[in-house]
């Protein structure tokens, strides 16, 4: 794909159009590349609500896997002096 872009080979215009569509939605906020949630949902073909639910579930699963690595009760029950 990268070689096709470098050589400007237009044999697959759908891929280039899709790539341009993605790049056009990227904003730069405070020096970071960002895609707004509604644009991301549109790219995936879902509603922004379903995307939000997916992100919440993904965070929950990630935290659940991460939480098993540490004893949070011991960390948060310490008395700091």
N, C-alpha and C. Protein backbone atom coordinates (compact mmCIF):
# COMPACT_ATOMS: atom_id res chain seq x y z
N UNK A 1 0.82 -1.19 0.00
CA UNK A 1 0.00 0.00 0.00
C UNK A 1 0.87 1.25 0.00
N UNK A 2 1.90 1.28 0.82
CA UNK A 2 2.77 2.45 0.88
C UNK A 2 3.46 2.66 -0.45
N UNK A 3 3.91 1.57 -1.09
CA UNK A 3 4.56 1.70 -2.39
C UNK A 3 3.60 2.29 -3.42
N UNK A 4 2.34 1.88 -3.36
CA UNK A 4 1.36 2.43 -4.29
C UNK A 4 1.18 3.92 -4.09
N UNK A 5 1.19 4.35 -2.82
CA UNK A 5 1.05 5.78 -2.54
C UNK A 5 2.27 6.55 -3.02
N UNK A 6 3.44 5.99 -2.83
CA UNK A 6 4.66 6.67 -3.25
C UNK A 6 4.73 6.79 -4.77
N UNK A 7 4.28 5.75 -5.47
CA UNK A 7 4.33 5.75 -6.92
C UNK A 7 3.10 6.40 -7.56
N UNK A 8 2.17 6.85 -6.73
CA UNK A 8 0.92 7.44 -7.21
C UNK A 8 0.17 6.52 -8.16
N UNK A 9 0.19 5.23 -7.85
CA UNK A 9 -0.54 4.26 -8.65
C UNK A 9 -2.01 4.36 -8.28
N UNK A 10 -2.84 4.77 -9.21
CA UNK A 10 -4.26 4.97 -8.93
C UNK A 10 -5.09 3.75 -9.31
N UNK A 11 -4.49 2.54 -9.29
CA UNK A 11 -5.22 1.35 -9.67
C UNK A 11 -6.29 0.99 -8.65
N UNK A 12 -6.15 1.46 -7.43
CA UNK A 12 -7.14 1.17 -6.40
C UNK A 12 -7.64 2.49 -5.81
N UNK A 13 -8.50 3.19 -6.52
CA UNK A 13 -8.95 4.51 -6.05
C UNK A 13 -9.79 4.44 -4.78
N UNK A 14 -10.46 3.32 -4.54
CA UNK A 14 -11.28 3.21 -3.32
C UNK A 14 -10.42 3.27 -2.07
N UNK A 15 -9.25 2.65 -2.10
CA UNK A 15 -8.37 2.69 -0.94
C UNK A 15 -7.84 4.09 -0.71
N UNK A 16 -7.48 4.78 -1.77
CA UNK A 16 -6.98 6.13 -1.62
C UNK A 16 -8.08 7.06 -1.12
N UNK A 17 -9.29 6.88 -1.63
CA UNK A 17 -10.41 7.70 -1.19
C UNK A 17 -10.69 7.46 0.28
N UNK A 18 -10.65 6.21 0.71
CA UNK A 18 -10.89 5.89 2.12
C UNK A 18 -9.79 6.50 3.00
N UNK A 19 -8.57 6.42 2.52
CA UNK A 19 -7.45 6.98 3.28
C UNK A 19 -7.58 8.50 3.38
N UNK A 20 -7.93 9.14 2.29
CA UNK A 20 -8.14 10.59 2.31
C UNK A 20 -9.29 10.96 3.23
N UNK A 21 -10.32 10.12 3.25
CA UNK A 21 -11.47 10.36 4.14
C UNK A 21 -11.04 10.32 5.60
N UNK A 22 -10.17 9.38 5.95
CA UNK A 22 -9.69 9.27 7.32
C UNK A 22 -8.81 10.47 7.66
N UNK A 23 -7.86 10.78 6.78
CA UNK A 23 -6.94 11.89 7.04
C UNK A 23 -7.67 13.22 7.15
N UNK A 24 -8.75 13.38 6.41
CA UNK A 24 -9.48 14.65 6.45
C UNK A 24 -10.19 14.85 7.78
N UNK A 25 -10.42 13.78 8.53
CA UNK A 25 -11.12 13.86 9.81
C UNK A 25 -10.18 14.06 10.99
N UNK A 26 -8.89 13.95 10.77
CA UNK A 26 -7.92 14.10 11.86
C UNK A 26 -7.71 15.59 12.14
N UNK A 27 -7.89 15.96 13.40
CA UNK A 27 -7.66 17.32 13.84
C UNK A 27 -6.41 17.36 14.71
N UNK A 28 -5.79 18.51 14.80
CA UNK A 28 -4.65 18.67 15.70
C UNK A 28 -5.09 19.59 16.83
N UNK A 29 -5.17 19.04 18.04
CA UNK A 29 -5.53 19.78 19.23
C UNK A 29 -4.40 19.69 20.24
N UNK A 30 -3.87 20.84 20.62
CA UNK A 30 -2.76 20.91 21.57
C UNK A 30 -1.60 20.01 21.17
N UNK A 31 -1.34 19.96 19.87
CA UNK A 31 -0.22 19.19 19.36
C UNK A 31 -0.46 17.69 19.23
N UNK A 32 -1.68 17.25 19.47
CA UNK A 32 -2.02 15.82 19.37
C UNK A 32 -2.98 15.60 18.21
N UNK A 33 -2.79 14.50 17.48
CA UNK A 33 -3.73 14.13 16.43
C UNK A 33 -4.96 13.50 17.07
N UNK A 34 -6.14 14.01 16.70
CA UNK A 34 -7.38 13.59 17.34
C UNK A 34 -8.45 13.35 16.29
N UNK A 35 -9.27 12.33 16.49
CA UNK A 35 -10.47 12.12 15.68
C UNK A 35 -11.66 12.22 16.64
N UNK A 36 -12.60 13.08 16.31
CA UNK A 36 -13.80 13.27 17.14
C UNK A 36 -14.62 11.99 17.12
N UNK A 37 -15.29 11.69 18.24
CA UNK A 37 -16.01 10.42 18.38
C UNK A 37 -17.06 10.21 17.29
N UNK A 38 -17.76 11.25 16.89
CA UNK A 38 -18.78 11.07 15.85
C UNK A 38 -18.14 10.72 14.50
N UNK A 39 -16.97 11.30 14.22
CA UNK A 39 -16.26 10.95 12.99
C UNK A 39 -15.75 9.51 13.04
N UNK A 40 -15.24 9.09 14.19
CA UNK A 40 -14.76 7.72 14.35
C UNK A 40 -15.91 6.72 14.20
N UNK A 41 -17.05 7.05 14.78
CA UNK A 41 -18.22 6.18 14.66
C UNK A 41 -18.65 6.08 13.19
N UNK A 42 -18.61 7.20 12.48
CA UNK A 42 -18.97 7.19 11.06
C UNK A 42 -18.01 6.31 10.26
N UNK A 43 -16.72 6.39 10.57
CA UNK A 43 -15.75 5.57 9.86
C UNK A 43 -15.99 4.08 10.09
N UNK A 44 -16.42 3.72 11.30
CA UNK A 44 -16.71 2.31 11.60
C UNK A 44 -18.13 1.90 11.24
N UNK A 45 -18.96 2.86 10.85
CA UNK A 45 -20.32 2.53 10.44
C UNK A 45 -21.26 2.21 11.58
N UNK A 46 -21.02 2.81 12.74
CA UNK A 46 -21.89 2.61 13.90
C UNK A 46 -22.31 3.98 14.43
N UNK A 47 -23.24 3.98 15.38
CA UNK A 47 -23.64 5.24 16.01
C UNK A 47 -22.60 5.60 17.07
N UNK A 48 -22.56 6.87 17.44
CA UNK A 48 -21.60 7.29 18.47
C UNK A 48 -21.95 6.67 19.82
N UNK A 49 -23.22 6.37 20.05
CA UNK A 49 -23.62 5.71 21.30
C UNK A 49 -23.03 4.31 21.38
N UNK A 50 -23.13 3.55 20.29
CA UNK A 50 -22.55 2.20 20.28
C UNK A 50 -21.03 2.24 20.42
N UNK A 51 -20.41 3.23 19.81
CA UNK A 51 -18.97 3.39 19.96
C UNK A 51 -18.61 3.68 21.42
N UNK A 52 -19.38 4.54 22.07
CA UNK A 52 -19.13 4.88 23.48
C UNK A 52 -19.29 3.65 24.37
N UNK A 53 -20.30 2.85 24.11
CA UNK A 53 -20.51 1.62 24.89
C UNK A 53 -19.33 0.67 24.69
N UNK A 54 -18.86 0.55 23.45
CA UNK A 54 -17.71 -0.31 23.18
C UNK A 54 -16.48 0.17 23.93
N UNK A 55 -16.25 1.48 23.93
CA UNK A 55 -15.08 2.03 24.62
C UNK A 55 -15.18 1.79 26.13
N UNK A 56 -16.37 1.96 26.69
CA UNK A 56 -16.56 1.70 28.12
C UNK A 56 -16.28 0.24 28.44
N UNK A 57 -16.79 -0.68 27.62
CA UNK A 57 -16.54 -2.10 27.85
C UNK A 57 -15.06 -2.44 27.70
N UNK A 58 -14.42 -1.85 26.71
CA UNK A 58 -13.00 -2.08 26.51
C UNK A 58 -12.18 -1.59 27.71
N UNK A 59 -12.53 -0.42 28.23
CA UNK A 59 -11.85 0.11 29.42
C UNK A 59 -12.08 -0.80 30.63
N UNK A 60 -13.32 -1.27 30.79
CA UNK A 60 -13.65 -2.15 31.91
C UNK A 60 -12.84 -3.45 31.83
N UNK A 61 -12.78 -4.05 30.64
CA UNK A 61 -12.03 -5.30 30.47
C UNK A 61 -10.55 -5.06 30.72
N UNK A 62 -10.03 -3.97 30.19
CA UNK A 62 -8.61 -3.65 30.38
C UNK A 62 -8.30 -3.44 31.85
N UNK A 63 -9.16 -2.67 32.55
CA UNK A 63 -8.93 -2.43 33.97
C UNK A 63 -9.05 -3.72 34.77
N UNK A 64 -10.01 -4.58 34.41
CA UNK A 64 -10.17 -5.85 35.11
C UNK A 64 -8.92 -6.70 34.98
N UNK A 65 -8.34 -6.73 33.78
CA UNK A 65 -7.10 -7.49 33.59
C UNK A 65 -5.94 -6.85 34.34
N UNK A 66 -5.90 -5.54 34.35
CA UNK A 66 -4.84 -4.80 35.03
C UNK A 66 -4.98 -4.92 36.55
N UNK A 67 -6.21 -4.87 37.05
CA UNK A 67 -6.44 -4.90 38.49
C UNK A 67 -5.98 -6.20 39.11
N UNK A 68 -5.99 -7.28 38.36
CA UNK A 68 -5.55 -8.56 38.88
C UNK A 68 -4.05 -8.60 39.16
N UNK A 69 -3.32 -7.66 38.62
CA UNK A 69 -1.86 -7.65 38.80
C UNK A 69 -1.44 -7.01 40.12
N UNK A 70 -2.33 -6.21 40.71
CA UNK A 70 -1.98 -5.46 41.91
C UNK A 70 -3.00 -5.70 43.01
N UNK A 71 -2.55 -5.55 44.23
CA UNK A 71 -3.44 -5.65 45.38
C UNK A 71 -3.86 -4.23 45.76
N UNK A 72 -4.96 -3.75 45.14
CA UNK A 72 -5.38 -2.37 45.36
C UNK A 72 -5.84 -2.11 46.78
N UNK A 73 -6.40 -3.12 47.44
CA UNK A 73 -6.82 -2.92 48.83
C UNK A 73 -5.63 -2.57 49.70
N UNK A 74 -4.53 -3.26 49.50
CA UNK A 74 -3.33 -2.98 50.28
C UNK A 74 -2.76 -1.61 49.97
N UNK A 75 -2.81 -1.23 48.71
CA UNK A 75 -2.27 0.07 48.31
C UNK A 75 -3.09 1.20 48.91
N UNK A 76 -4.42 1.10 48.82
CA UNK A 76 -5.28 2.21 49.24
C UNK A 76 -5.61 2.18 50.73
N UNK A 77 -5.32 1.09 51.42
CA UNK A 77 -5.64 1.03 52.84
C UNK A 77 -4.47 1.50 53.71
N UNK A 78 -3.32 1.78 53.11
CA UNK A 78 -2.18 2.29 53.88
C UNK A 78 -2.48 3.65 54.46
N UNK A 79 -1.99 3.85 55.64
CA UNK A 79 -2.11 5.18 56.26
C UNK A 79 -0.83 5.93 55.98
N UNK A 80 -1.00 7.05 55.32
CA UNK A 80 0.17 7.86 54.99
C UNK A 80 0.38 8.87 56.09
N UNK A 81 1.62 8.99 56.50
CA UNK A 81 1.91 9.96 57.58
C UNK A 81 2.82 11.06 57.09
